[in-house]
PDB file of N, CA and C in Angstrom:
ATOM      1  N   MET A   1      24.257  20.227  63.593  1.00  0.00           N
ATOM      2  CA  MET A   1      25.533  20.799  63.230  1.00  0.00           C
ATOM      3  C   MET A   1      26.008  21.685  64.387  1.00  0.00           C
ATOM      4  N   PHE A   2      27.261  21.528  64.758  1.00  0.00           N
ATOM      5  CA  PHE A   2      27.830  22.364  65.797  1.00  0.00           C
ATOM      6  C   PHE A   2      27.959  23.784  65.277  1.00  0.00           C
ATOM      7  N   GLU A   3      27.959  24.747  66.182  1.00  0.00           N
ATOM      8  CA  GLU A   3      27.959  26.155  65.792  1.00  0.00           C
ATOM      9  C   GLU A   3      29.111  26.522  64.864  1.00  0.00           C
ATOM     10  N   ASP A   4      30.322  26.024  65.150  1.00  0.00           N
ATOM     11  CA  ASP A   4      31.480  26.392  64.336  1.00  0.00           C
ATOM     12  C   ASP A   4      31.857  25.333  63.304  1.00  0.00           C
ATOM     13  N   GLU A   5      30.987  24.348  63.110  1.00  0.00           N
ATOM     14  CA  GLU A   5      31.280  23.260  62.182  1.00  0.00           C
ATOM     15  C   GLU A   5      30.946  23.654  60.750  1.00  0.00           C
ATOM     16  N   THR A   6      31.845  23.354  59.834  1.00  0.00           N
ATOM     17  CA  THR A   6      31.589  23.641  58.427  1.00  0.00           C
ATOM     18  C   THR A   6      30.607  22.616  57.865  1.00  0.00           C
ATOM     19  N   VAL A   7      30.008  22.940  56.744  1.00  0.00           N
ATOM     20  CA  VAL A   7      29.097  22.014  56.080  1.00  0.00           C
ATOM     21  C   VAL A   7      29.830  20.715  55.750  1.00  0.00           C
ATOM     22  N   LEU A   8      31.060  20.834  55.269  1.00  0.00           N
ATOM     23  CA  LEU A   8      31.833  19.644  54.908  1.00  0.00           C
ATOM     24  C   LEU A   8      32.059  18.741  56.116  1.00  0.00           C
ATOM     25  N   ALA A   9      32.430  19.319  57.242  1.00  0.00           N
ATOM     26  CA  ALA A   9      32.640  18.518  58.456  1.00  0.00           C
ATOM     27  C   ALA A   9      31.334  17.869  58.900  1.00  0.00           C
ATOM     28  N   SER A  10      30.244  18.583  58.755  1.00  0.00           N
ATOM     29  CA  SER A  10      28.938  18.043  59.132  1.00  0.00           C
ATOM     30  C   SER A  10      28.536  16.877  58.227  1.00  0.00           C
ATOM     31  N   VAL A  11      28.793  17.005  56.934  1.00  0.00           N
ATOM     32  CA  VAL A  11      28.486  15.933  55.983  1.00  0.00           C
ATOM     33  C   VAL A  11      29.293  14.682  56.345  1.00  0.00           C
ATOM     34  N   VAL A  12      30.580  14.868  56.584  1.00  0.00           N
ATOM     35  CA  VAL A  12      31.453  13.735  56.930  1.00  0.00           C
ATOM     36  C   VAL A  12      30.971  13.072  58.213  1.00  0.00           C
ATOM     37  N   ARG A  13      30.582  13.866  59.208  1.00  0.00           N
ATOM     38  CA  ARG A  13      30.085  13.310  60.471  1.00  0.00           C
ATOM     39  C   ARG A  13      28.807  12.510  60.232  1.00  0.00           C
ATOM     40  N   LYS A  14      27.893  13.032  59.415  1.00  0.00           N
ATOM     41  CA  LYS A  14      26.634  12.323  59.116  1.00  0.00           C
ATOM     42  C   LYS A  14      26.879  11.010  58.381  1.00  0.00           C
ATOM     43  N   ILE A  15      27.898  10.982  57.528  1.00  0.00           N
ATOM     44  CA  ILE A  15      28.216   9.755  56.787  1.00  0.00           C
ATOM     45  C   ILE A  15      28.793   8.696  57.716  1.00  0.00           C
ATOM     46  N   GLY A  16      29.458   9.128  58.781  1.00  0.00           N
ATOM     47  CA  GLY A  16      30.009   8.167  59.733  1.00  0.00           C
ATOM     48  C   GLY A  16      31.497   8.321  59.970  1.00  0.00           C
ATOM     49  N   GLY A  17      32.056   9.451  59.567  1.00  0.00           N
ATOM     50  CA  GLY A  17      33.463   9.722  59.813  1.00  0.00           C
ATOM     51  C   GLY A  17      34.298   9.711  58.551  1.00  0.00           C
ATOM     52  N   GLN A  18      35.583  10.005  58.764  1.00  0.00           N
ATOM     53  CA  GLN A  18      36.505  10.148  57.646  1.00  0.00           C
ATOM     54  C   GLN A  18      36.744   8.833  56.910  1.00  0.00           C
ATOM     55  N   VAL A  19      36.810   7.723  57.635  1.00  0.00           N
ATOM     56  CA  VAL A  19      37.077   6.434  56.988  1.00  0.00           C
ATOM     57  C   VAL A  19      35.934   6.061  56.053  1.00  0.00           C
ATOM     58  N   LYS A  20      34.700   6.126  56.553  1.00  0.00           N
ATOM     59  CA  LYS A  20      33.543   5.769  55.713  1.00  0.00           C
ATOM     60  C   LYS A  20      33.389   6.735  54.547  1.00  0.00           C
ATOM     61  N   THR A  21      33.655   8.001  54.790  1.00  0.00           N
ATOM     62  CA  THR A  21      33.570   8.983  53.717  1.00  0.00           C
ATOM     63  C   THR A  21      34.623   8.703  52.655  1.00  0.00           C
ATOM     64  N   GLY A  22      35.828   8.405  53.101  1.00  0.00           N
ATOM     65  CA  GLY A  22      36.904   8.065  52.169  1.00  0.00           C
ATOM     66  C   GLY A  22      36.574   6.850  51.334  1.00  0.00           C
ATOM     67  N   GLU A  23      36.004   5.832  51.979  1.00  0.00           N
ATOM     68  CA  GLU A  23      35.618   4.625  51.246  1.00  0.00           C
ATOM     69  C   GLU A  23      34.573   4.952  50.183  1.00  0.00           C
ATOM     70  N   ALA A  24      33.610   5.792  50.539  1.00  0.00           N
ATOM     71  CA  ALA A  24      32.564   6.159  49.582  1.00  0.00           C
ATOM     72  C   ALA A  24      33.142   6.927  48.390  1.00  0.00           C
ATOM     73  N   CYS A  25      34.139   7.765  48.655  1.00  0.00           N
ATOM     74  CA  CYS A  25      34.725   8.610  47.604  1.00  0.00           C
ATOM     75  C   CYS A  25      35.902   7.956  46.894  1.00  0.00           C
ATOM     76  N   GLY A  26      36.380   6.839  47.420  1.00  0.00           N
ATOM     77  CA  GLY A  26      37.527   6.174  46.806  1.00  0.00           C
ATOM     78  C   GLY A  26      38.844   6.860  47.116  1.00  0.00           C
ATOM     79  N   VAL A  27      38.913   7.535  48.272  1.00  0.00           N
ATOM     80  CA  VAL A  27      40.141   8.192  48.718  1.00  0.00           C
ATOM     81  C   VAL A  27      40.427   7.742  50.148  1.00  0.00           C
ATOM     82  N   THR A  28      41.584   8.111  50.670  1.00  0.00           N
ATOM     83  CA  THR A  28      41.925   7.731  52.041  1.00  0.00           C
ATOM     84  C   THR A  28      41.262   8.672  53.045  1.00  0.00           C
ATOM     85  N   ALA A  29      41.217   8.215  54.285  1.00  0.00           N
ATOM     86  CA  ALA A  29      40.691   9.049  55.366  1.00  0.00           C
ATOM     87  C   ALA A  29      41.538  10.307  55.530  1.00  0.00           C
ATOM     88  N   ALA A  30      42.841  10.197  55.253  1.00  0.00           N
ATOM     89  CA  ALA A  30      43.727  11.362  55.354  1.00  0.00           C
ATOM     90  C   ALA A  30      43.342  12.439  54.344  1.00  0.00           C
ATOM     91  N   VAL A  31      42.940  12.031  53.154  1.00  0.00           N
ATOM     92  CA  VAL A  31      42.507  12.995  52.141  1.00  0.00           C
ATOM     93  C   VAL A  31      41.247  13.708  52.617  1.00  0.00           C
ATOM     94  N   VAL A  32      40.316  12.953  53.177  1.00  0.00           N
ATOM     95  CA  VAL A  32      39.083  13.553  53.701  1.00  0.00           C
ATOM     96  C   VAL A  32      39.428  14.523  54.836  1.00  0.00           C
ATOM     97  N   GLY A  33      40.358  14.138  55.675  1.00  0.00           N
ATOM     98  CA  GLY A  33      40.802  15.022  56.745  1.00  0.00           C
ATOM     99  C   GLY A  33      41.382  16.327  56.213  1.00  0.00           C
ATOM    100  N   ARG A  34      42.106  16.240  55.111  1.00  0.00           N
ATOM    101  CA  ARG A  34      42.665  17.440  54.470  1.00  0.00           C
ATOM    102  C   ARG A  34      41.540  18.333  53.952  1.00  0.00           C
ATOM    103  N   TRP A  35      40.511  17.720  53.354  1.00  0.00           N
ATOM    104  CA  TRP A  35      39.372  18.511  52.877  1.00  0.00           C
ATOM    105  C   TRP A  35      38.745  19.274  54.043  1.00  0.00           C
ATOM    106  N   ILE A  36      38.572  18.572  55.167  1.00  0.00           N
ATOM    107  CA  ILE A  36      37.949  19.204  56.336  1.00  0.00           C
ATOM    108  C   ILE A  36      38.823  20.349  56.843  1.00  0.00           C
ATOM    109  N   LYS A  37      40.108  20.100  56.954  1.00  0.00           N
ATOM    110  CA  LYS A  37      41.022  21.127  57.458  1.00  0.00           C
ATOM    111  C   LYS A  37      41.037  22.345  56.539  1.00  0.00           C
ATOM    112  N   GLN A  38      41.055  22.101  55.231  1.00  0.00           N
ATOM    113  CA  GLN A  38      41.076  23.198  54.259  1.00  0.00           C
ATOM    114  C   GLN A  38      39.688  23.813  54.060  1.00  0.00           C
ATOM    115  N   GLN A  39      38.659  23.122  54.529  1.00  0.00           N
ATOM    116  CA  GLN A  39      37.265  23.559  54.468  1.00  0.00           C
ATOM    117  C   GLN A  39      36.696  23.614  53.062  1.00  0.00           C
ATOM    118  N   HIS A  40      37.285  22.856  52.144  1.00  0.00           N
ATOM    119  CA  HIS A  40      36.724  22.834  50.793  1.00  0.00           C
ATOM    120  C   HIS A  40      37.068  21.532  50.077  1.00  0.00           C
ATOM    121  N   LEU A  41      36.309  21.269  49.025  1.00  0.00           N
ATOM    122  CA  LEU A  41      36.565  20.121  48.165  1.00  0.00           C
ATOM    123  C   LEU A  41      37.660  20.478  47.160  1.00  0.00           C
ATOM    124  N   PRO A  42      38.230  19.473  46.511  1.00  0.00           N
ATOM    125  CA  PRO A  42      39.266  19.769  45.520  1.00  0.00           C
ATOM    126  C   PRO A  42      38.719  20.551  44.318  1.00  0.00           C
ATOM    127  N   ARG A  43      39.606  21.269  43.677  1.00  0.00           N
ATOM    128  CA  ARG A  43      39.276  22.034  42.472  1.00  0.00           C
ATOM    129  C   ARG A  43      38.611  21.155  41.418  1.00  0.00           C
ATOM    130  N   THR A  44      39.008  19.875  41.373  1.00  0.00           N
ATOM    131  CA  THR A  44      38.495  18.965  40.346  1.00  0.00           C
ATOM    132  C   THR A  44      36.978  18.787  40.409  1.00  0.00           C
ATOM    133  N   ASP A  45      36.373  19.030  41.564  1.00  0.00           N
ATOM    134  CA  ASP A  45      34.916  18.940  41.665  1.00  0.00           C
ATOM    135  C   ASP A  45      34.247  20.112  40.942  1.00  0.00           C
ATOM    136  N   TYR A  46      34.964  21.182  40.750  1.00  0.00           N
ATOM    137  CA  TYR A  46      34.410  22.374  40.115  1.00  0.00           C
ATOM    138  C   TYR A  46      34.756  22.453  38.634  1.00  0.00           C
ATOM    139  N   THR A  47      35.646  21.571  38.190  1.00  0.00           N
ATOM    140  CA  THR A  47      35.998  21.511  36.767  1.00  0.00           C
ATOM    141  C   THR A  47      35.378  20.292  36.095  1.00  0.00           C
ATOM    142  N   GLY A  48      34.641  19.479  36.883  1.00  0.00           N
ATOM    143  CA  GLY A  48      33.959  18.322  36.325  1.00  0.00           C
ATOM    144  C   GLY A  48      34.806  17.063  36.231  1.00  0.00           C
ATOM    145  N   GLU A  49      36.026  17.118  36.742  1.00  0.00           N
ATOM    146  CA  GLU A  49      36.892  15.940  36.693  1.00  0.00           C
ATOM    147  C   GLU A  49      36.489  14.892  37.734  1.00  0.00           C
ATOM    148  N   THR A  50      35.931  15.341  38.838  1.00  0.00           N
ATOM    149  CA  THR A  50      35.436  14.438  39.880  1.00  0.00           C
ATOM    150  C   THR A  50      34.050  14.896  40.306  1.00  0.00           C
ATOM    151  N   ASP A  51      33.353  14.057  41.060  1.00  0.00           N
ATOM    152  CA  ASP A  51      32.040  14.430  41.588  1.00  0.00           C
ATOM    153  C   ASP A  51      31.928  13.970  43.038  1.00  0.00           C
ATOM    154  N   TYR A  52      32.888  14.392  43.860  1.00  0.00           N
ATOM    155  CA  TYR A  52      32.840  14.035  45.278  1.00  0.00           C
ATOM    156  C   TYR A  52      31.585  14.596  45.943  1.00  0.00           C
ATOM    157  N   ALA A  53      31.148  15.775  45.530  1.00  0.00           N
ATOM    158  CA  ALA A  53      29.946  16.370  46.115  1.00  0.00           C
ATOM    159  C   ALA A  53      28.735  15.471  45.887  1.00  0.00           C
ATOM    160  N   GLY A  54      28.625  14.895  44.700  1.00  0.00           N
ATOM    161  CA  GLY A  54      27.525  13.971  44.413  1.00  0.00           C
ATOM    162  C   GLY A  54      27.610  12.708  45.250  1.00  0.00           C
ATOM    163  N   VAL A  55      28.816  12.198  45.399  1.00  0.00           N
ATOM    164  CA  VAL A  55      29.024  11.002  46.224  1.00  0.00           C
ATOM    165  C   VAL A  55      28.700  11.311  47.676  1.00  0.00           C
ATOM    166  N   LEU A  56      29.141  12.465  48.163  1.00  0.00           N
ATOM    167  CA  LEU A  56      28.865  12.857  49.554  1.00  0.00           C
ATOM    168  C   LEU A  56      27.364  13.023  49.787  1.00  0.00           C
ATOM    169  N   ALA A  57      26.681  13.626  48.830  1.00  0.00           N
ATOM    170  CA  ALA A  57      25.230  13.802  48.958  1.00  0.00           C
ATOM    171  C   ALA A  57      24.540  12.448  49.060  1.00  0.00           C
ATOM    172  N   GLU A  58      24.907  11.538  48.182  1.00  0.00           N
ATOM    173  CA  GLU A  58      24.302  10.205  48.200  1.00  0.00           C
ATOM    174  C   GLU A  58      24.639   9.451  49.484  1.00  0.00           C
ATOM    175  N   ALA A  59      25.901   9.498  49.898  1.00  0.00           N
ATOM    176  CA  ALA A  59      26.334   8.774  51.098  1.00  0.00           C
ATOM    177  C   ALA A  59      25.682   9.329  52.364  1.00  0.00           C
ATOM    178  N   SER A  60      25.298  10.605  52.337  1.00  0.00           N
ATOM    179  CA  SER A  60      24.633  11.202  53.499  1.00  0.00           C
ATOM    180  C   SER A  60      23.127  10.942  53.483  1.00  0.00           C
ATOM    181  N   GLY A  61      22.673  10.161  52.523  1.00  0.00           N
ATOM    182  CA  GLY A  61      21.240   9.916  52.402  1.00  0.00           C
ATOM    183  C   GLY A  61      20.503  11.149  51.911  1.00  0.00           C
ATOM    184  N   PHE A  62      21.219  12.006  51.196  1.00  0.00           N
ATOM    185  CA  PHE A  62      20.695  13.252  50.639  1.00  0.00           C
ATOM    186  C   PHE A  62      20.197  14.215  51.713  1.00  0.00           C
ATOM    187  N   LEU A  63      20.810  14.133  52.916  1.00  0.00           N
ATOM    188  CA  LEU A  63      20.554  15.157  53.934  1.00  0.00           C
ATOM    189  C   LEU A  63      21.103  16.497  53.458  1.00  0.00           C
ATOM    190  N   PHE A  64      22.106  16.420  52.604  1.00  0.00           N
ATOM    191  CA  PHE A  64      22.720  17.585  51.969  1.00  0.00           C
ATOM    192  C   PHE A  64      22.653  17.336  50.470  1.00  0.00           C
ATOM    193  N   SER A  65      22.281  18.332  49.708  1.00  0.00           N
ATOM    194  CA  SER A  65      22.232  18.164  48.249  1.00  0.00           C
ATOM    195  C   SER A  65      23.618  18.378  47.656  1.00  0.00           C
ATOM    196  N   ARG A  66      23.812  17.849  46.467  1.00  0.00           N
ATOM    197  CA  ARG A  66      25.076  18.043  45.751  1.00  0.00           C
ATOM    198  C   ARG A  66      25.346  19.527  45.572  1.00  0.00           C
ATOM    199  N   ASP A  67      24.318  20.282  45.159  1.00  0.00           N
ATOM    200  CA  ASP A  67      24.476  21.718  44.917  1.00  0.00           C
ATOM    201  C   ASP A  67      24.836  22.473  46.199  1.00  0.00           C
ATOM    202  N   GLU A  68      24.214  22.090  47.312  1.00  0.00           N
ATOM    203  CA  GLU A  68      24.514  22.735  48.595  1.00  0.00           C
ATOM    204  C   GLU A  68      25.973  22.482  48.996  1.00  0.00           C
ATOM    205  N   ILE A  69      26.408  21.238  48.829  1.00  0.00           N
ATOM    206  CA  ILE A  69      27.789  20.892  49.168  1.00  0.00           C
ATOM    207  C   ILE A  69      28.758  21.668  48.275  1.00  0.00           C
ATOM    208  N   LEU A  70      28.496  21.691  46.968  1.00  0.00           N
ATOM    209  CA  LEU A  70      29.371  22.434  46.058  1.00  0.00           C
ATOM    210  C   LEU A  70      29.431  23.914  46.412  1.00  0.00           C
ATOM    211  N   LYS A  71      28.282  24.486  46.734  1.00  0.00           N
ATOM    212  CA  LYS A  71      28.241  25.913  47.057  1.00  0.00           C
ATOM    213  C   LYS A  71      29.019  26.202  48.339  1.00  0.00           C
ATOM    214  N   GLU A  72      28.776  25.435  49.378  1.00  0.00           N
ATOM    215  CA  GLU A  72      29.387  25.697  50.678  1.00  0.00           C
ATOM    216  C   GLU A  72      30.857  25.302  50.751  1.00  0.00           C
ATOM    217  N   CYS A  73      31.283  24.381  49.907  1.00  0.00           N
ATOM    218  CA  CYS A  73      32.653  23.851  49.972  1.00  0.00           C
ATOM    219  C   CYS A  73      33.516  24.335  48.820  1.00  0.00           C
ATOM    220  N   ASN A  74      33.119  25.415  48.188  1.00  0.00           N
ATOM    221  CA  ASN A  74      33.860  25.986  47.067  1.00  0.00           C
ATOM    222  C   ASN A  74      35.115  26.680  47.591  1.00  0.00           C
ATOM    223  N   PRO A  75      36.283  26.360  47.046  1.00  0.00           N
ATOM    224  CA  PRO A  75      37.516  26.996  47.516  1.00  0.00           C
ATOM    225  C   PRO A  75      37.463  28.527  47.484  1.00  0.00           C
ATOM    226  N   ALA A  76      36.799  29.106  46.501  1.00  0.00           N
ATOM    227  CA  ALA A  76      36.704  30.566  46.404  1.00  0.00           C
ATOM    228  C   ALA A  76      35.921  31.147  47.581  1.00  0.00           C
ATOM    229  N   ASN A  77      34.844  30.486  47.986  1.00  0.00           N
ATOM    230  CA  ASN A  77      34.042  30.948  49.119  1.00  0.00           C
ATOM    231  C   ASN A  77      34.797  30.803  50.426  1.00  0.00           C
ATOM    232  N   VAL A  78      35.486  29.697  50.575  1.00  0.00           N
ATOM    233  CA  VAL A  78      36.213  29.417  51.813  1.00  0.00           C
ATOM    234  C   VAL A  78      37.334  30.420  52.006  1.00  0.00           C
ATOM    235  N   LYS A  79      38.018  30.777  50.937  1.00  0.00           N
ATOM    236  CA  LYS A  79      39.118  31.732  51.029  1.00  0.00           C
ATOM    237  C   LYS A  79      38.610  33.044  51.627  1.00  0.00           C
ATOM    238  N   GLY A  80      37.452  33.485  51.207  1.00  0.00           N
ATOM    239  CA  GLY A  80      36.868  34.709  51.749  1.00  0.00           C
ATOM    240  C   GLY A  80      36.525  34.574  53.219  1.00  0.00           C
ATOM    241  N   ARG A  81      35.969  33.424  53.623  1.00  0.00           N
ATOM    242  CA  ARG A  81      35.638  33.201  55.037  1.00  0.00           C
ATOM    243  C   ARG A  81      36.892  33.176  55.890  1.00  0.00           C
ATOM    244  N   LYS A  82      37.962  32.547  55.371  1.00  0.00           N
ATOM    245  CA  LYS A  82      39.217  32.484  56.131  1.00  0.00           C
ATOM    246  C   LYS A  82      39.784  33.877  56.314  1.00  0.00           C
ATOM    247  N   MET A  83      39.686  34.728  55.293  1.00  0.00           N
ATOM    248  CA  MET A  83      40.194  36.098  55.402  1.00  0.00           C
ATOM    249  C   MET A  83      39.378  36.885  56.418  1.00  0.00           C
ATOM    250  N   GLU A  84      38.055  36.687  56.447  1.00  0.00           N
ATOM    251  CA  GLU A  84      37.197  37.365  57.423  1.00  0.00           C
ATOM    252  C   GLU A  84      37.587  36.965  58.829  1.00  0.00           C
ATOM    253  N   LEU A  85      37.830  35.667  59.046  1.00  0.00           N
ATOM    254  CA  LEU A  85      38.207  35.184  60.366  1.00  0.00           C
ATOM    255  C   LEU A  85      39.530  35.789  60.808  1.00  0.00           C
ATOM    256  N   SER A  86      40.499  35.873  59.919  1.00  0.00           N
ATOM    257  CA  SER A  86      41.801  36.412  60.290  1.00  0.00           C
ATOM    258  C   SER A  86      41.723  37.911  60.570  1.00  0.00           C
ATOM    259  N   ASN A  87      40.789  38.621  59.947  1.00  0.00           N
ATOM    260  CA  ASN A  87      40.613  40.047  60.202  1.00  0.00           C
ATOM    261  C   ASN A  87      39.925  40.302  61.541  1.00  0.00           C
ATOM    262  N   ASP A  88      39.135  39.321  62.023  1.00  0.00           N
ATOM    263  CA  ASP A  88      38.443  39.451  63.295  1.00  0.00           C
ATOM    264  C   ASP A  88      39.388  39.332  64.482  1.00  0.00           C
ATOM    265  N   GLU A  89      40.536  38.731  64.276  1.00  0.00           N
ATOM    266  CA  GLU A  89      41.460  38.469  65.391  1.00  0.00           C
ATOM    267  C   GLU A  89      42.203  39.674  65.839  1.00  0.00           C
TER     268      GLU A  89
END
């Protein structure tokens, strides 16, 4: 993992890129790109409507667990990290 790379970006890279990740999740590469840019998975993964974290874990050969992905890619956690980064500038 690169020093400034998020867990989500690392998972996508391990799977083989945005296209392969999108195919595994049943979404477009553009949607995966949006997840990477926003640094989190959709809210629906946290309300039980989708399980992209489980699909990502499986597609990565379980290099990352579902729980690890959910924890690191939670919109609430990312919002705090983004605020910390903006305060550092």
